[in-house]
Amino acid sequence: GRDDEVGKSDNRRWFVPLLGLLIAAGIVLAIALPVSMRGKSENEAPDATASLSDADCLPGEVDVRFELAKSIFSRITSLDLLGDELTPQGKAIRWIVCDDSISVQLLENQDT
């Protein structure tokens, strides 16, 4: 009888930490999985022409601004990186061409 009680208390000693670990892992997965899946669904098929449409950008000559910005930045980074919206360089050039009002004005007033 006494050996059974020792065995039960030994099992209980591991049950609480194991239960805590499982709960913690479940919480981490519940947070991490939706965040990682959301990022992938937004970036599944990047299309540079669709992303630089006039509807998404500040008004003006979007294509002209993009080509001018590419010619400037191609001196310091490759055109492949600039054209890929998943790279930091691609995100930066899109922001400069479409979203930053000061850069848009500078690019549109640039003499080519």
Foldseek 3Di string as FASTA:
>chain_A
DVVVVVVVVVVVVVPVVVVVVVVVVVVVCVPPVVVVVVVCVVPVDDDQVVLQDCVQFDDDDLVQLLVQLCVVCCVPDPPVQCSDCVHPNVVVSSCLSGPDPVSVVVSVPDDD
